[in-house]
């Protein structure tokens, strides 16, 4: 039984999470031979101020400003 934990920035839509879950479950079935009903996924939504990339908080990273702003608009 695959147990998959997914961390993503807050603001993804229900439709995005649903599509991602289906694609990952498809892969687990195809690659791991898991039964679809046994593929368990948990989504943990995180905010840009609690994750850092390369030592820079995502909320303060100019190269991620557009992505963070787009997710904030959905929240």
PDB file of N, CA and C in Angstrom:
ATOM      1  N   UNK A   1       0.848  -1.175   0.000  1.00  0.00           N
ATOM      2  CA  UNK A   1       0.000   0.000   0.000  1.00  0.00           C
ATOM      3  C   UNK A   1       0.895   1.240   0.000  1.00  0.00           C
ATOM      4  N   UNK A   2       0.991   1.935  -1.115  1.00  0.00           N
ATOM      5  CA  UNK A   2       1.776   3.171  -1.131  1.00  0.00           C
ATOM      6  C   UNK A   2       1.080   4.277  -0.337  1.00  0.00           C
ATOM      7  N   UNK A   3       1.837   4.911   0.544  1.00  0.00           N
ATOM      8  CA  UNK A   3       1.376   6.083   1.274  1.00  0.00           C
ATOM      9  C   UNK A   3       2.215   7.256   0.779  1.00  0.00           C
ATOM     10  N   UNK A   4       1.581   8.193   0.140  1.00  0.00           N
ATOM     11  CA  UNK A   4       2.285   9.289  -0.514  1.00  0.00           C
ATOM     12  C   UNK A   4       1.896  10.598   0.141  1.00  0.00           C
ATOM     13  N   UNK A   5       2.905  11.354   0.566  1.00  0.00           N
ATOM     14  CA  UNK A   5       2.680  12.665   1.151  1.00  0.00           C
ATOM     15  C   UNK A   5       3.141  13.713   0.162  1.00  0.00           C
ATOM     16  N   UNK A   6       2.274  14.675  -0.115  1.00  0.00           N
ATOM     17  CA  UNK A   6       2.557  15.727  -1.078  1.00  0.00           C
ATOM     18  C   UNK A   6       2.508  17.068  -0.351  1.00  0.00           C
ATOM     19  N   UNK A   7       3.592  17.821  -0.440  1.00  0.00           N
ATOM     20  CA  UNK A   7       3.612  19.171   0.114  1.00  0.00           C
ATOM     21  C   UNK A   7       3.580  20.151  -1.039  1.00  0.00           C
ATOM     22  N   UNK A   8       2.645  21.092  -0.982  1.00  0.00           N
ATOM     23  CA  UNK A   8       2.597  22.133  -1.998  1.00  0.00           C
ATOM     24  C   UNK A   8       2.172  23.452  -1.411  1.00  0.00           C
ATOM     25  N   UNK A   9       2.572  24.491  -2.128  1.00  0.00           N
ATOM     26  CA  UNK A   9       2.191  25.824  -1.666  1.00  0.00           C
ATOM     27  C   UNK A   9       0.678  25.957  -1.663  1.00  0.00           C
ATOM     28  N   UNK A  10       0.171  26.563  -0.631  1.00  0.00           N
ATOM     29  CA  UNK A  10      -1.264  26.815  -0.485  1.00  0.00           C
ATOM     30  C   UNK A  10      -1.776  27.559  -1.714  1.00  0.00           C
ATOM     31  N   UNK A  11      -2.984  27.238  -2.128  1.00  0.00           N
ATOM     32  CA  UNK A  11      -3.618  27.962  -3.212  1.00  0.00           C
ATOM     33  C   UNK A  11      -3.946  27.120  -4.432  1.00  0.00           C
ATOM     34  N   UNK A  12      -3.522  25.861  -4.438  1.00  0.00           N
ATOM     35  CA  UNK A  12      -3.892  24.993  -5.568  1.00  0.00           C
ATOM     36  C   UNK A  12      -5.386  24.719  -5.487  1.00  0.00           C
ATOM     37  N   UNK A  13      -6.009  24.601  -6.633  1.00  0.00           N
ATOM     38  CA  UNK A  13      -7.457  24.380  -6.654  1.00  0.00           C
ATOM     39  C   UNK A  13      -7.787  22.915  -6.391  1.00  0.00           C
ATOM     40  N   UNK A  14      -9.030  22.676  -6.064  1.00  0.00           N
ATOM     41  CA  UNK A  14      -9.510  21.306  -5.893  1.00  0.00           C
ATOM     42  C   UNK A  14      -9.293  20.509  -7.170  1.00  0.00           C
ATOM     43  N   UNK A  15      -9.555  21.135  -8.304  1.00  0.00           N
ATOM     44  CA  UNK A  15      -9.382  20.452  -9.588  1.00  0.00           C
ATOM     45  C   UNK A  15      -7.919  20.063  -9.813  1.00  0.00           C
ATOM     46  N   UNK A  16      -6.992  20.936  -9.439  1.00  0.00           N
ATOM     47  CA  UNK A  16      -5.562  20.626  -9.589  1.00  0.00           C
ATOM     48  C   UNK A  16      -5.161  19.471  -8.681  1.00  0.00           C
ATOM     49  N   UNK A  17      -5.612  19.489  -7.438  1.00  0.00           N
ATOM     50  CA  UNK A  17      -5.279  18.399  -6.510  1.00  0.00           C
ATOM     51  C   UNK A  17      -5.900  17.088  -6.983  1.00  0.00           C
ATOM     52  N   UNK A  18      -7.117  17.152  -7.486  1.00  0.00           N
ATOM     53  CA  UNK A  18      -7.798  15.950  -7.985  1.00  0.00           C
ATOM     54  C   UNK A  18      -7.035  15.360  -9.170  1.00  0.00           C
ATOM     55  N   UNK A  19      -6.662  16.193 -10.137  1.00  0.00           N
ATOM     56  CA  UNK A  19      -5.935  15.718 -11.320  1.00  0.00           C
ATOM     57  C   UNK A  19      -4.575  15.146 -10.931  1.00  0.00           C
ATOM     58  N   UNK A  20      -3.884  15.806  -9.997  1.00  0.00           N
ATOM     59  CA  UNK A  20      -2.585  15.319  -9.546  1.00  0.00           C
ATOM     60  C   UNK A  20      -2.742  13.956  -8.870  1.00  0.00           C
ATOM     61  N   UNK A  21      -3.744  13.838  -7.996  1.00  0.00           N
ATOM     62  CA  UNK A  21      -3.982  12.580  -7.289  1.00  0.00           C
ATOM     63  C   UNK A  21      -4.267  11.449  -8.273  1.00  0.00           C
ATOM     64  N   UNK A  22      -5.045  11.725  -9.300  1.00  0.00           N
ATOM     65  CA  UNK A  22      -5.352  10.691 -10.291  1.00  0.00           C
ATOM     66  C   UNK A  22      -4.105  10.278 -11.058  1.00  0.00           C
ATOM     67  N   UNK A  23      -3.278  11.254 -11.435  1.00  0.00           N
ATOM     68  CA  UNK A  23      -2.056  10.949 -12.191  1.00  0.00           C
ATOM     69  C   UNK A  23      -1.071  10.145 -11.338  1.00  0.00           C
ATOM     70  N   UNK A  24      -0.916  10.512 -10.074  1.00  0.00           N
ATOM     71  CA  UNK A  24      -0.002   9.783  -9.196  1.00  0.00           C
ATOM     72  C   UNK A  24      -0.534   8.374  -8.931  1.00  0.00           C
ATOM     73  N   UNK A  25      -1.831   8.246  -8.704  1.00  0.00           N
ATOM     74  CA  UNK A  25      -2.416   6.924  -8.496  1.00  0.00           C
ATOM     75  C   UNK A  25      -2.230   6.058  -9.739  1.00  0.00           C
ATOM     76  N   UNK A  26      -2.426   6.633 -10.921  1.00  0.00           N
ATOM     77  CA  UNK A  26      -2.198   5.893 -12.164  1.00  0.00           C
ATOM     78  C   UNK A  26      -0.763   5.367 -12.219  1.00  0.00           C
ATOM     79  N   UNK A  27       0.190   6.222 -11.863  1.00  0.00           N
ATOM     80  CA  UNK A  27       1.594   5.817 -11.883  1.00  0.00           C
ATOM     81  C   UNK A  27       1.884   4.726 -10.862  1.00  0.00           C
ATOM     82  N   UNK A  28       1.304   4.835  -9.672  1.00  0.00           N
ATOM     83  CA  UNK A  28       1.519   3.817  -8.645  1.00  0.00           C
ATOM     84  C   UNK A  28       0.973   2.471  -9.098  1.00  0.00           C
ATOM     85  N   UNK A  29      -0.159   2.489  -9.768  1.00  0.00           N
ATOM     86  CA  UNK A  29      -0.741   1.248 -10.290  1.00  0.00           C
ATOM     87  C   UNK A  29       0.160   0.673 -11.386  1.00  0.00           C
ATOM     88  N   UNK A  30       0.566   1.527 -12.333  1.00  0.00           N
ATOM     89  CA  UNK A  30       1.366   1.073 -13.474  1.00  0.00           C
ATOM     90  C   UNK A  30       2.773   0.642 -13.076  1.00  0.00           C
ATOM     91  N   UNK A  31       3.427   1.414 -12.242  1.00  0.00           N
ATOM     92  CA  UNK A  31       4.830   1.167 -11.931  1.00  0.00           C
ATOM     93  C   UNK A  31       5.017   0.219 -10.754  1.00  0.00           C
ATOM     94  N   UNK A  32       4.214   0.400  -9.710  1.00  0.00           N
ATOM     95  CA  UNK A  32       4.380  -0.385  -8.488  1.00  0.00           C
ATOM     96  C   UNK A  32       3.493  -1.621  -8.436  1.00  0.00           C
ATOM     97  N   UNK A  33       2.511  -1.679  -9.326  1.00  0.00           N
ATOM     98  CA  UNK A  33       1.577  -2.796  -9.293  1.00  0.00           C
ATOM     99  C   UNK A  33       0.595  -2.709  -8.137  1.00  0.00           C
ATOM    100  N   UNK A  34       0.421  -1.503  -7.593  1.00  0.00           N
ATOM    101  CA  UNK A  34      -0.494  -1.306  -6.468  1.00  0.00           C
ATOM    102  C   UNK A  34      -1.949  -1.358  -6.947  1.00  0.00           C
ATOM    103  N   UNK A  35      -2.822  -1.745  -6.048  1.00  0.00           N
ATOM    104  CA  UNK A  35      -4.245  -1.637  -6.353  1.00  0.00           C
ATOM    105  C   UNK A  35      -4.630  -0.173  -6.165  1.00  0.00           C
ATOM    106  N   UNK A  36      -5.407   0.351  -7.105  1.00  0.00           N
ATOM    107  CA  UNK A  36      -5.784   1.765  -7.055  1.00  0.00           C
ATOM    108  C   UNK A  36      -6.367   2.150  -5.696  1.00  0.00           C
ATOM    109  N   UNK A  37      -7.229   1.316  -5.145  1.00  0.00           N
ATOM    110  CA  UNK A  37      -7.883   1.654  -3.879  1.00  0.00           C
ATOM    111  C   UNK A  37      -6.906   1.646  -2.702  1.00  0.00           C
ATOM    112  N   UNK A  38      -5.701   1.130  -2.897  1.00  0.00           N
ATOM    113  CA  UNK A  38      -4.705   1.106  -1.825  1.00  0.00           C
ATOM    114  C   UNK A  38      -3.708   2.260  -1.899  1.00  0.00           C
ATOM    115  N   UNK A  39      -3.809   3.085  -2.920  1.00  0.00           N
ATOM    116  CA  UNK A  39      -2.898   4.222  -3.056  1.00  0.00           C
ATOM    117  C   UNK A  39      -3.454   5.369  -2.208  1.00  0.00           C
ATOM    118  N   UNK A  40      -2.737   5.688  -1.136  1.00  0.00           N
ATOM    119  CA  UNK A  40      -3.188   6.727  -0.194  1.00  0.00           C
ATOM    120  C   UNK A  40      -2.319   7.963  -0.375  1.00  0.00           C
ATOM    121  N   UNK A  41      -2.964   9.113  -0.484  1.00  0.00           N
ATOM    122  CA  UNK A  41      -2.253  10.369  -0.662  1.00  0.00           C
ATOM    123  C   UNK A  41      -2.762  11.387   0.340  1.00  0.00           C
ATOM    124  N   UNK A  42      -1.824  12.139   0.917  1.00  0.00           N
ATOM    125  CA  UNK A  42      -2.161  13.216   1.836  1.00  0.00           C
ATOM    126  C   UNK A  42      -1.522  14.484   1.289  1.00  0.00           C
ATOM    127  N   UNK A  43      -2.317  15.531   1.168  1.00  0.00           N
ATOM    128  CA  UNK A  43      -1.811  16.820   0.723  1.00  0.00           C
ATOM    129  C   UNK A  43      -1.593  17.713   1.947  1.00  0.00           C
ATOM    130  N   UNK A  44      -0.384  18.213   2.088  1.00  0.00           N
ATOM    131  CA  UNK A  44      -0.069  19.195   3.119  1.00  0.00           C
ATOM    132  C   UNK A  44       0.178  20.519   2.421  1.00  0.00           C
ATOM    133  N   UNK A  45      -0.673  21.482   2.707  1.00  0.00           N
ATOM    134  CA  UNK A  45      -0.498  22.799   2.107  1.00  0.00           C
ATOM    135  C   UNK A  45       0.392  23.644   3.000  1.00  0.00           C
ATOM    136  N   UNK A  46       1.387  24.257   2.391  1.00  0.00           N
ATOM    137  CA  UNK A  46       2.325  25.084   3.130  1.00  0.00           C
ATOM    138  C   UNK A  46       2.257  26.510   2.602  1.00  0.00           C
ATOM    139  N   UNK A  47       2.676  27.446   3.426  1.00  0.00           N
ATOM    140  CA  UNK A  47       2.678  28.841   3.018  1.00  0.00           C
ATOM    141  C   UNK A  47       4.101  29.243   2.625  1.00  0.00           C
ATOM    142  N   UNK A  48       4.236  30.238   1.753  1.00  0.00           N
ATOM    143  CA  UNK A  48       5.553  30.622   1.255  1.00  0.00           C
ATOM    144  C   UNK A  48       6.512  31.113   2.331  1.00  0.00           C
ATOM    145  N   UNK A  49       6.001  31.455   3.502  1.00  0.00           N
ATOM    146  CA  UNK A  49       6.888  31.951   4.551  1.00  0.00           C
ATOM    147  C   UNK A  49       7.464  30.835   5.432  1.00  0.00           C
ATOM    148  N   UNK A  50       7.091  29.575   5.169  1.00  0.00           N
ATOM    149  CA  UNK A  50       7.654  28.485   5.966  1.00  0.00           C
ATOM    150  C   UNK A  50       8.487  27.515   5.133  1.00  0.00           C
ATOM    151  N   UNK A  51       8.768  27.870   3.888  1.00  0.00           N
ATOM    152  CA  UNK A  51       9.610  27.029   3.039  1.00  0.00           C
ATOM    153  C   UNK A  51      10.677  27.898   2.390  1.00  0.00           C
ATOM    154  N   UNK A  52      11.887  27.354   2.310  1.00  0.00           N
ATOM    155  CA  UNK A  52      12.986  28.090   1.692  1.00  0.00           C
ATOM    156  C   UNK A  52      13.622  27.234   0.610  1.00  0.00           C
ATOM    157  N   UNK A  53      14.047  27.872  -0.436  1.00  0.00           N
ATOM    158  CA  UNK A  53      14.768  27.230  -1.528  1.00  0.00           C
ATOM    159  C   UNK A  53      16.112  27.928  -1.654  1.00  0.00           C
ATOM    160  N   UNK A  54      17.185  27.176  -1.525  1.00  0.00           N
ATOM    161  CA  UNK A  54      18.510  27.776  -1.615  1.00  0.00           C
ATOM    162  C   UNK A  54      18.779  28.785  -0.512  1.00  0.00           C
ATOM    163  N   UNK A  55      18.131  28.611   0.632  1.00  0.00           N
ATOM    164  CA  UNK A  55      18.342  29.512   1.751  1.00  0.00           C
ATOM    165  C   UNK A  55      17.509  30.776   1.727  1.00  0.00           C
ATOM    166  N   UNK A  56      16.608  30.878   0.753  1.00  0.00           N
ATOM    167  CA  UNK A  56      15.756  32.063   0.630  1.00  0.00           C
ATOM    168  C   UNK A  56      14.304  31.636   0.799  1.00  0.00           C
ATOM    169  N   UNK A  57      13.601  32.309   1.703  1.00  0.00           N
ATOM    170  CA  UNK A  57      12.178  32.006   1.876  1.00  0.00           C
ATOM    171  C   UNK A  57      11.445  32.215   0.552  1.00  0.00           C
ATOM    172  N   UNK A  58      10.528  31.314   0.245  1.00  0.00           N
ATOM    173  CA  UNK A  58       9.765  31.443  -0.995  1.00  0.00           C
ATOM    174  C   UNK A  58       9.012  32.764  -1.039  1.00  0.00           C
ATOM    175  N   UNK A  59       8.594  33.251   0.114  1.00  0.00           N
ATOM    176  CA  UNK A  59       7.854  34.520   0.172  1.00  0.00           C
ATOM    177  C   UNK A  59       8.754  35.717  -0.135  1.00  0.00           C
ATOM    178  N   UNK A  60      10.075  35.527  -0.071  1.00  0.00           N
ATOM    179  CA  UNK A  60      11.014  36.625  -0.319  1.00  0.00           C
ATOM    180  C   UNK A  60      11.867  36.406  -1.562  1.00  0.00           C
ATOM    181  N   UNK A  61      11.582  35.369  -2.317  1.00  0.00           N
ATOM    182  CA  UNK A  61      12.362  35.014  -3.499  1.00  0.00           C
ATOM    183  C   UNK A  61      11.766  35.690  -4.726  1.00  0.00           C
ATOM    184  N   UNK A  62      12.473  36.661  -5.263  1.00  0.00           N
ATOM    185  CA  UNK A  62      11.968  37.428  -6.413  1.00  0.00           C
ATOM    186  C   UNK A  62      11.685  36.527  -7.610  1.00  0.00           C
ATOM    187  N   UNK A  63      12.446  35.449  -7.771  1.00  0.00           N
ATOM    188  CA  UNK A  63      12.232  34.565  -8.920  1.00  0.00           C
ATOM    189  C   UNK A  63      10.945  33.753  -8.787  1.00  0.00           C
ATOM    190  N   UNK A  64      10.373  33.705  -7.594  1.00  0.00           N
ATOM    191  CA  UNK A  64       9.123  32.973  -7.361  1.00  0.00           C
ATOM    192  C   UNK A  64       7.939  33.909  -7.128  1.00  0.00           C
ATOM    193  N   UNK A  65       8.147  35.184  -7.223  1.00  0.00           N
ATOM    194  CA  UNK A  65       7.107  36.162  -6.891  1.00  0.00           C
ATOM    195  C   UNK A  65       5.837  35.947  -7.710  1.00  0.00           C
ATOM    196  N   UNK A  66       5.975  35.673  -9.001  1.00  0.00           N
ATOM    197  CA  UNK A  66       4.802  35.471  -9.848  1.00  0.00           C
ATOM    198  C   UNK A  66       4.002  34.251  -9.452  1.00  0.00           C
ATOM    199  N   UNK A  67       4.686  33.165  -9.141  1.00  0.00           N
ATOM    200  CA  UNK A  67       4.007  31.932  -8.733  1.00  0.00           C
ATOM    201  C   UNK A  67       3.297  32.140  -7.409  1.00  0.00           C
ATOM    202  N   UNK A  68       3.994  32.733  -6.451  1.00  0.00           N
ATOM    203  CA  UNK A  68       3.410  32.969  -5.134  1.00  0.00           C
ATOM    204  C   UNK A  68       2.204  33.903  -5.238  1.00  0.00           C
ATOM    205  N   UNK A  69       2.315  34.951  -6.044  1.00  0.00           N
ATOM    206  CA  UNK A  69       1.206  35.905  -6.209  1.00  0.00           C
ATOM    207  C   UNK A  69      -0.006  35.203  -6.842  1.00  0.00           C
ATOM    208  N   UNK A  70       0.236  34.362  -7.829  1.00  0.00           N
ATOM    209  CA  UNK A  70      -0.877  33.656  -8.487  1.00  0.00           C
ATOM    210  C   UNK A  70      -1.583  32.732  -7.510  1.00  0.00           C
ATOM    211  N   UNK A  71      -0.828  32.074  -6.649  1.00  0.00           N
ATOM    212  CA  UNK A  71      -1.453  31.182  -5.661  1.00  0.00           C
ATOM    213  C   UNK A  71      -2.205  31.980  -4.616  1.00  0.00           C
ATOM    214  N   UNK A  72      -1.665  33.135  -4.209  1.00  0.00           N
ATOM    215  CA  UNK A  72      -2.349  34.002  -3.238  1.00  0.00           C
ATOM    216  C   UNK A  72      -3.671  34.499  -3.792  1.00  0.00           C
ATOM    217  N   UNK A  73      -3.727  34.757  -5.095  1.00  0.00           N
ATOM    218  CA  UNK A  73      -4.966  35.243  -5.709  1.00  0.00           C
ATOM    219  C   UNK A  73      -6.076  34.210  -5.633  1.00  0.00           C
ATOM    220  N   UNK A  74      -5.718  32.928  -5.593  1.00  0.00           N
ATOM    221  CA  UNK A  74      -6.719  31.861  -5.545  1.00  0.00           C
ATOM    222  C   UNK A  74      -7.197  31.586  -4.134  1.00  0.00           C
ATOM    223  N   UNK A  75      -6.389  31.935  -3.154  1.00  0.00           N
ATOM    224  CA  UNK A  75      -6.710  31.593  -1.752  1.00  0.00           C
ATOM    225  C   UNK A  75      -7.839  32.423  -1.210  1.00  0.00           C
TER     226      UNK A  75
END
